[in-house]
Amino acid sequence: MNVPTGRRGGAGDGTAPGAVPAPRRTTTRRRLFDAAVTLIAEQGFSATTVDEIADRAGVAKGTVYYNFASKNVLYEELLRDGIDLLADSLRRAADATAARGGTRVDALDAMIRSGLDFIACSPALIQLYVAELWRTNRTWRDTLTSVRGRAQSVVEDVLRDAVRTGELSGELDIPLTASALLGMVLVAALDWQSFQPDRSVEDVHAALSRLLQGRVGAGGGQGRAEGAETSQG
């Protein structure tokens, strides 16, 4: 899982938020995450053994159990860590757009690009995440629901601000729209990586940006126009 390694603390490295974990253990856990996500994407969760994960990571089997109580716990933490990183990436994109004076729709567009960049670096992680969304009998279902909510809430916050300021229509279904936007990025990116790898990230982003502007953005414009007509009347 080729993802940023600069986070401090949190569920992904077993420390309290804000704590600075031992660098060696953090590196080891990242190697285990990388090995596990690659193997599970290749051959499935059930077929992947702890021995294989240890071998791929270049560590002893006991090192896996030193860091994680079981393969299930390793996978649960892998999902939590990865989606937390995605949520952080989306939030940074929105904040950077706001700092430049951009609109909320601009922020959503920046989040689309940030999501595409993240998925391009971590396609196996997102493949596993999307697959797990359809499974309801996993022991880590509660964790998956929680991390999904965190990623979606980042998008919801921007949509809510856009409605509050009148940039988007007050009739917008915020939770469903946030889910649709996030799902659009995840599925489109996986399709791009799997079936259209010759397309550039700029090309894919431009296509999704047009969808955003034509649907969410246009709806907001209509809402603002109707509001203006009402106030004039």
Protein backbone atom coordinates (compact mmCIF):
# COMPACT_ATOMS: atom_id res chain seq x y z
CA MET A 1 0.00 0.00 0.00
CA ASN A 2 1.95 2.98 -1.26
CA VAL A 3 0.55 5.69 0.98
CA PRO A 4 2.05 8.62 2.89
CA THR A 5 3.92 7.70 6.06
CA GLY A 6 4.08 11.03 7.81
CA ARG A 7 1.03 10.66 10.08
CA ARG A 8 1.56 10.87 13.81
CA GLY A 9 -0.39 8.43 15.93
CA GLY A 10 -3.86 7.04 15.39
CA ALA A 11 -5.43 3.67 14.78
CA GLY A 12 -3.06 2.75 12.00
CA ASP A 13 0.02 2.55 14.20
CA GLY A 14 -1.51 1.60 17.53
CA THR A 15 -0.76 4.80 19.41
CA ALA A 16 -2.93 7.51 20.88
CA PRO A 17 -3.61 10.48 18.57
CA GLY A 18 -0.75 12.95 18.83
CA ALA A 19 1.70 10.42 20.24
CA VAL A 20 4.93 9.76 18.38
CA PRO A 21 5.39 5.99 17.91
CA ALA A 22 8.79 4.37 17.83
CA PRO A 23 10.08 4.88 14.27
CA ARG A 24 11.15 1.26 13.90
CA ARG A 25 7.75 -0.12 14.89
CA THR A 26 5.96 2.35 12.65
CA THR A 27 8.12 1.25 9.72
CA THR A 28 7.48 -2.42 10.49
CA ARG A 29 3.73 -1.93 10.66
CA ARG A 30 3.79 -0.06 7.36
CA ARG A 31 5.68 -2.93 5.73
CA LEU A 32 3.11 -5.38 7.09
CA PHE A 33 0.27 -3.23 5.77
CA ASP A 34 1.93 -3.05 2.36
CA ALA A 35 2.47 -6.80 2.25
CA ALA A 36 -1.03 -7.66 3.46
CA VAL A 37 -2.90 -5.35 1.12
CA THR A 38 -0.96 -6.63 -1.90
CA LEU A 39 -1.42 -10.31 -1.04
CA ILE A 40 -5.09 -10.01 -0.13
CA ALA A 41 -5.80 -8.10 -3.33
CA GLU A 42 -4.04 -10.84 -5.32
CA GLN A 43 -5.54 -13.96 -3.72
CA GLY A 44 -8.25 -13.00 -1.24
CA PHE A 45 -8.38 -12.68 2.54
CA SER A 46 -9.06 -16.32 3.37
CA ALA A 47 -6.30 -17.63 1.09
CA THR A 48 -3.68 -15.27 2.50
CA THR A 49 -1.75 -16.63 5.47
CA VAL A 50 0.21 -14.87 8.20
CA ASP A 51 3.30 -16.74 7.00
CA GLU A 52 2.90 -15.22 3.53
CA ILE A 53 2.40 -11.74 4.94
CA ALA A 54 5.53 -12.08 7.08
CA ASP A 55 7.54 -13.44 4.15
CA ARG A 56 6.41 -10.65 1.81
CA ALA A 57 7.22 -8.03 4.47
CA GLY A 58 10.61 -9.60 5.14
CA VAL A 59 9.99 -10.18 8.85
CA ALA A 60 9.58 -13.17 11.17
CA LYS A 61 6.08 -14.56 11.71
CA GLY A 62 6.31 -13.59 15.36
CA THR A 63 6.72 -9.95 14.33
CA VAL A 64 3.24 -10.03 12.81
CA TYR A 65 1.72 -11.22 16.09
CA TYR A 66 3.82 -8.74 18.06
CA ASN A 67 2.14 -5.91 16.15
CA PHE A 68 -1.31 -7.45 15.61
CA ALA A 69 -3.23 -9.99 17.65
CA SER A 70 -4.44 -11.84 14.54
CA LYS A 71 -4.77 -11.63 10.78
CA ASN A 72 -8.27 -10.23 11.27
CA VAL A 73 -6.94 -7.42 13.45
CA LEU A 74 -4.20 -6.68 10.93
CA TYR A 75 -6.75 -6.38 8.14
CA GLU A 76 -9.08 -4.25 10.25
CA GLU A 77 -6.26 -1.87 11.13
CA LEU A 78 -5.13 -1.82 7.51
CA LEU A 79 -8.59 -0.63 6.39
CA ARG A 80 -8.78 1.92 9.20
CA ASP A 81 -5.34 3.32 8.49
CA GLY A 82 -5.83 3.52 4.73
CA ILE A 83 -9.24 5.18 4.74
CA ASP A 84 -8.12 7.59 7.47
CA LEU A 85 -5.28 8.64 5.15
CA LEU A 86 -7.77 9.10 2.30
CA ALA A 87 -10.01 11.24 4.52
CA ASP A 88 -7.01 13.34 5.57
CA SER A 89 -6.08 13.83 1.92
CA LEU A 90 -9.60 15.00 1.05
CA ARG A 91 -9.68 17.39 3.99
CA ARG A 92 -6.34 18.94 3.06
CA ALA A 93 -7.55 19.49 -0.51
CA ALA A 94 -10.71 21.24 0.72
CA ASP A 95 -8.79 23.37 3.21
CA ALA A 96 -6.20 24.40 0.62
CA THR A 97 -8.97 25.48 -1.78
CA ALA A 98 -10.67 27.53 0.94
CA ALA A 99 -7.36 29.17 1.82
CA ARG A 100 -6.99 30.26 -1.82
CA GLY A 101 -10.48 31.79 -1.76
CA GLY A 102 -12.07 29.10 -3.93
CA THR A 103 -15.75 28.17 -3.86
CA ARG A 104 -17.16 25.06 -2.21
CA VAL A 105 -17.67 23.49 -5.63
CA ASP A 106 -14.01 24.25 -6.32
CA ALA A 107 -13.22 22.43 -3.06
CA LEU A 108 -15.25 19.41 -4.17
CA ASP A 109 -13.38 19.42 -7.46
CA ALA A 110 -10.04 19.56 -5.62
CA MET A 111 -11.17 16.65 -3.46
CA ILE A 112 -11.93 14.61 -6.59
CA ARG A 113 -8.40 15.22 -7.84
CA SER A 114 -6.93 14.42 -4.43
CA GLY A 115 -8.92 11.17 -4.31
CA LEU A 116 -7.73 10.17 -7.78
CA ASP A 117 -4.12 10.85 -6.85
CA PHE A 118 -4.48 8.81 -3.67
CA ILE A 119 -6.10 5.86 -5.43
CA ALA A 120 -3.48 5.93 -8.19
CA CYS A 121 -0.90 5.32 -5.45
CA SER A 122 -3.00 2.76 -3.54
CA PRO A 123 -5.27 0.89 -5.99
CA ALA A 124 -5.14 -2.39 -4.06
CA LEU A 125 -6.31 -0.72 -0.86
CA ILE A 126 -9.31 0.91 -2.55
CA GLN A 127 -10.12 -2.36 -4.35
CA LEU A 128 -10.32 -4.11 -0.98
CA TYR A 129 -12.31 -1.29 0.59
CA VAL A 130 -14.92 -1.25 -2.18
CA ALA A 131 -15.22 -5.04 -2.03
CA GLU A 132 -15.74 -4.96 1.75
CA LEU A 133 -18.58 -2.46 1.46
CA TRP A 134 -20.74 -5.25 0.03
CA ARG A 135 -19.97 -7.76 2.79
CA THR A 136 -22.06 -7.54 5.95
CA ASN A 137 -20.80 -10.59 7.85
CA ARG A 138 -17.24 -9.49 8.57
CA THR A 139 -16.01 -9.06 12.13
CA TRP A 140 -14.62 -5.67 11.18
CA ARG A 141 -17.91 -4.35 9.80
CA ASP A 142 -18.29 -1.79 12.60
CA THR A 143 -14.79 -0.48 11.93
CA LEU A 144 -15.50 -0.26 8.21
CA THR A 145 -18.71 1.66 8.88
CA SER A 146 -16.82 4.06 11.13
CA VAL A 147 -14.00 4.82 8.70
CA ARG A 148 -16.43 5.12 5.80
CA GLY A 149 -18.32 7.69 7.85
CA ARG A 150 -15.17 9.69 8.44
CA ALA A 151 -14.30 9.89 4.76
CA GLN A 152 -17.89 10.74 3.82
CA SER A 153 -18.21 13.37 6.54
CA VAL A 154 -15.37 15.34 4.96
CA VAL A 155 -17.43 15.65 1.77
CA GLU A 156 -20.62 16.31 3.73
CA ASP A 157 -19.00 19.22 5.55
CA VAL A 158 -18.16 20.97 2.28
CA LEU A 159 -21.65 20.33 0.88
CA ARG A 160 -23.25 21.61 4.08
CA ASP A 161 -21.20 24.81 3.93
CA ALA A 162 -22.17 25.26 0.28
CA VAL A 163 -25.87 24.95 1.14
CA ARG A 164 -25.51 27.27 4.14
CA THR A 165 -23.89 30.00 2.03
CA GLY A 166 -26.36 29.59 -0.84
CA GLU A 167 -23.79 28.23 -3.27
CA LEU A 168 -25.83 25.03 -3.60
CA SER A 169 -29.58 24.44 -3.36
CA GLY A 170 -31.11 23.90 0.06
CA GLU A 171 -32.96 20.91 -1.41
CA LEU A 172 -29.69 19.00 -1.80
CA ASP A 173 -29.67 15.61 -0.06
CA ILE A 174 -26.30 16.06 1.63
CA PRO A 175 -25.60 12.49 2.89
CA LEU A 176 -26.66 10.85 -0.36
CA THR A 177 -24.82 13.38 -2.52
CA ALA A 178 -21.65 12.94 -0.46
CA SER A 179 -21.92 9.17 -0.82
CA ALA A 180 -22.50 9.50 -4.57
CA LEU A 181 -19.51 11.79 -5.06
CA LEU A 182 -17.20 9.59 -3.01
CA GLY A 183 -18.47 6.46 -4.76
CA MET A 184 -18.04 8.09 -8.15
CA VAL A 185 -14.38 8.77 -7.45
CA LEU A 186 -13.69 5.31 -6.01
CA VAL A 187 -15.38 3.32 -8.76
CA ALA A 188 -14.24 5.54 -11.63
CA ALA A 189 -10.66 5.40 -10.38
CA LEU A 190 -10.71 1.62 -10.12
CA ASP A 191 -12.17 1.34 -13.62
CA TRP A 192 -9.46 3.72 -14.85
CA GLN A 193 -6.69 1.72 -13.20
CA SER A 194 -8.04 -1.65 -14.36
CA PHE A 195 -9.39 -1.00 -17.85
CA GLN A 196 -8.14 2.39 -19.05
CA PRO A 197 -4.61 2.70 -17.63
CA ASP A 198 -3.42 4.64 -20.66
CA ARG A 199 -5.52 7.64 -19.61
CA SER A 200 -3.80 10.29 -17.52
CA VAL A 201 -5.03 11.40 -14.12
CA GLU A 202 -5.65 14.84 -15.63
CA ASP A 203 -7.92 13.30 -18.25
CA VAL A 204 -9.91 11.30 -15.69
CA HIS A 205 -10.16 14.29 -13.37
CA ALA A 206 -11.45 16.48 -16.21
CA ALA A 207 -14.22 13.99 -16.99
CA LEU A 208 -15.33 13.73 -13.36
CA SER A 209 -15.05 17.49 -12.96
CA ARG A 210 -17.51 17.98 -15.82
CA LEU A 211 -19.93 15.63 -14.07
CA LEU A 212 -19.58 17.58 -10.85
CA GLN A 213 -20.08 20.95 -12.50
CA GLY A 214 -23.00 19.71 -14.59
CA ARG A 215 -24.88 18.07 -11.73
CA VAL A 216 -24.03 19.47 -8.34
CA GLY A 217 -22.82 22.85 -9.60
CA ALA A 218 -25.73 23.39 -11.98
CA GLY A 219 -28.22 22.46 -9.29
CA GLY A 220 -26.70 25.04 -6.99
CA GLY A 221 -26.91 27.71 -9.67
CA GLN A 222 -30.58 26.98 -10.20
CA GLY A 223 -31.21 27.17 -6.48
CA ARG A 224 -29.48 30.54 -6.26
CA ALA A 225 -31.40 31.88 -9.25
CA GLU A 226 -34.73 30.79 -7.78
CA GLY A 227 -33.77 32.38 -4.49
CA ALA A 228 -32.92 35.64 -6.24
CA GLU A 229 -36.24 35.68 -8.11
CA THR A 230 -38.13 35.09 -4.89
CA SER A 231 -36.34 37.94 -3.11
CA GLN A 232 -37.01 40.28 -6.05
CA GLY A 233 -40.66 39.37 -6.12
